Amino acid sequence: MGGEGVFSEIISTSIDIQNNHPIECEMRTDTSTNKTFAYLDLDYDDYHEFVEGEVYSYILKPKPEHAHMVEELKLNLIYHKPIQ
């Protein structure tokens, strides 16, 4: 995930700094609505603050062993502050 933050560029990944343990990505299905959700547990630093209206990109890449069958996917999202 990447985009411009309040203090600097925000870059987050699903692999820890030592590249030892991938951060979890969990899929769940809500049977009452028949919708499936993906929860991405990305690693952010304390100083990462998102900017209202800024575009942030998620880049989803397949594991190397599946790269010949699945293309990477880039999602551009506009951040809106949560309503309080």
C-alpha atoms as a PDB file:
ATOM      1  CA  MET A   1       0.000   0.000   0.000  1.00  0.00           C
ATOM      2  CA  GLY A   2       1.389   3.396  -0.801  1.00  0.00           C
ATOM      3  CA  GLY A   3       0.517   7.076  -0.962  1.00  0.00           C
ATOM      4  CA  GLU A   4       1.464  10.481   0.413  1.00  0.00           C
ATOM      5  CA  GLY A   5       0.864  10.972   4.133  1.00  0.00           C
ATOM      6  CA  VAL A   6       0.920  14.004   6.439  1.00  0.00           C
ATOM      7  CA  PHE A   7       4.601  13.604   7.355  1.00  0.00           C
ATOM      8  CA  SER A   8       6.025  11.494   4.534  1.00  0.00           C
ATOM      9  CA  GLU A   9       5.162   8.843   1.998  1.00  0.00           C
ATOM     10  CA  ILE A  10       3.205   5.950   3.516  1.00  0.00           C
ATOM     11  CA  ILE A  11       4.460   2.578   2.379  1.00  0.00           C
ATOM     12  CA  SER A  12       3.194  -0.570   4.021  1.00  0.00           C
ATOM     13  CA  THR A  13       3.683  -4.205   3.151  1.00  0.00           C
ATOM     14  CA  SER A  14       2.318  -7.560   4.200  1.00  0.00           C
ATOM     15  CA  ILE A  15       5.791  -8.919   5.041  1.00  0.00           C
ATOM     16  CA  ASP A  16       7.633  -7.973   8.217  1.00  0.00           C
ATOM     17  CA  ILE A  17      10.999  -6.198   8.228  1.00  0.00           C
ATOM     18  CA  GLN A  18      13.011  -9.407   8.635  1.00  0.00           C
ATOM     19  CA  ASN A  19      10.935 -11.048   5.855  1.00  0.00           C
ATOM     20  CA  ASN A  20      10.229 -13.920   8.244  1.00  0.00           C
ATOM     21  CA  HIS A  21       6.507 -14.024   8.889  1.00  0.00           C
ATOM     22  CA  PRO A  22       3.984 -12.682   6.388  1.00  0.00           C
ATOM     23  CA  ILE A  23       1.295 -10.551   7.987  1.00  0.00           C
ATOM     24  CA  GLU A  24      -2.063 -12.289   7.783  1.00  0.00           C
ATOM     25  CA  CYS A  25      -4.643 -11.852   5.055  1.00  0.00           C
ATOM     26  CA  GLU A  26      -7.926 -13.374   6.119  1.00  0.00           C
ATOM     27  CA  MET A  27     -11.027 -14.116   4.027  1.00  0.00           C
ATOM     28  CA  ARG A  28     -14.456 -14.319   5.679  1.00  0.00           C
ATOM     29  CA  THR A  29     -17.941 -14.843   4.294  1.00  0.00           C
ATOM     30  CA  ASP A  30     -21.028 -13.302   5.860  1.00  0.00           C
ATOM     31  CA  THR A  31     -23.693 -15.923   5.166  1.00  0.00           C
ATOM     32  CA  SER A  32     -26.526 -13.519   6.003  1.00  0.00           C
ATOM     33  CA  THR A  33     -25.543 -11.208   3.103  1.00  0.00           C
ATOM     34  CA  ASN A  34     -23.646 -13.772   1.016  1.00  0.00           C
ATOM     35  CA  LYS A  35     -20.646 -11.401   0.759  1.00  0.00           C
ATOM     36  CA  THR A  36     -16.979 -12.276   1.152  1.00  0.00           C
ATOM     37  CA  PHE A  37     -14.524  -9.882   2.794  1.00  0.00           C
ATOM     38  CA  ALA A  38     -10.725  -9.775   2.826  1.00  0.00           C
ATOM     39  CA  TYR A  39      -8.959  -8.368   5.888  1.00  0.00           C
ATOM     40  CA  LEU A  40      -5.400  -7.238   5.142  1.00  0.00           C
ATOM     41  CA  ASP A  41      -3.262  -6.847   8.247  1.00  0.00           C
ATOM     42  CA  LEU A  42      -0.761  -4.336   6.878  1.00  0.00           C
ATOM     43  CA  ASP A  43       2.068  -3.023   9.026  1.00  0.00           C
ATOM     44  CA  TYR A  44       1.905   0.752   9.682  1.00  0.00           C
ATOM     45  CA  ASP A  45       4.164   3.001  11.755  1.00  0.00           C
ATOM     46  CA  ASP A  46       2.833   5.306  14.486  1.00  0.00           C
ATOM     47  CA  TYR A  47       3.558   8.436  12.402  1.00  0.00           C
ATOM     48  CA  HIS A  48       1.527   7.242   9.386  1.00  0.00           C
ATOM     49  CA  GLU A  49      -1.341   9.696   9.052  1.00  0.00           C
ATOM     50  CA  PHE A  50      -3.513   9.604   5.953  1.00  0.00           C
ATOM     51  CA  VAL A  51      -4.502  12.783   4.078  1.00  0.00           C
ATOM     52  CA  GLU A  52      -8.149  13.583   3.300  1.00  0.00           C
ATOM     53  CA  GLY A  53      -8.766  13.206  -0.450  1.00  0.00           C
ATOM     54  CA  GLU A  54      -5.355  11.641  -1.179  1.00  0.00           C
ATOM     55  CA  VAL A  55      -5.222   8.593  -3.481  1.00  0.00           C
ATOM     56  CA  TYR A  56      -3.658   5.467  -1.961  1.00  0.00           C
ATOM     57  CA  SER A  57      -2.856   2.356  -3.953  1.00  0.00           C
ATOM     58  CA  TYR A  58      -3.046  -1.271  -2.897  1.00  0.00           C
ATOM     59  CA  ILE A  59      -0.985  -3.576  -5.070  1.00  0.00           C
ATOM     60  CA  LEU A  60      -1.898  -7.220  -4.645  1.00  0.00           C
ATOM     61  CA  LYS A  61       0.751  -9.582  -6.012  1.00  0.00           C
ATOM     62  CA  PRO A  62       0.490 -13.349  -6.350  1.00  0.00           C
ATOM     63  CA  LYS A  63       2.952 -15.651  -4.658  1.00  0.00           C
ATOM     64  CA  PRO A  64       5.903 -16.379  -6.984  1.00  0.00           C
ATOM     65  CA  GLU A  65       4.748 -19.943  -7.571  1.00  0.00           C
ATOM     66  CA  HIS A  66       1.398 -18.652  -8.901  1.00  0.00           C
ATOM     67  CA  ALA A  67       2.697 -15.648 -10.889  1.00  0.00           C
ATOM     68  CA  HIS A  68       2.403 -17.496 -14.206  1.00  0.00           C
ATOM     69  CA  MET A  69      -1.362 -17.970 -13.605  1.00  0.00           C
ATOM     70  CA  VAL A  70      -2.438 -14.761 -11.825  1.00  0.00           C
ATOM     71  CA  GLU A  71      -1.645 -11.126 -12.625  1.00  0.00           C
ATOM     72  CA  GLU A  72      -1.012  -8.504  -9.973  1.00  0.00           C
ATOM     73  CA  LEU A  73      -3.915  -6.185  -9.211  1.00  0.00           C
ATOM     74  CA  LYS A  74      -3.650  -2.472  -8.376  1.00  0.00           C
ATOM     75  CA  LEU A  75      -6.526  -0.723  -6.570  1.00  0.00           C
ATOM     76  CA  ASN A  76      -6.530   3.081  -6.285  1.00  0.00           C
ATOM     77  CA  LEU A  77      -8.555   4.313  -3.303  1.00  0.00           C
ATOM     78  CA  ILE A  78      -9.400   7.843  -2.143  1.00  0.00           C
ATOM     79  CA  TYR A  79      -9.090   8.309   1.630  1.00  0.00           C
ATOM     80  CA  HIS A  80     -11.974   9.986   3.447  1.00  0.00           C
ATOM     81  CA  LYS A  81     -11.756  10.669   7.169  1.00  0.00           C
ATOM     82  CA  PRO A  82     -14.137   8.555   9.245  1.00  0.00           C
ATOM     83  CA  ILE A  83     -17.314  10.340  10.330  1.00  0.00           C
ATOM     84  CA  GLN A  84     -17.156  11.036  14.055  1.00  0.00           C
END
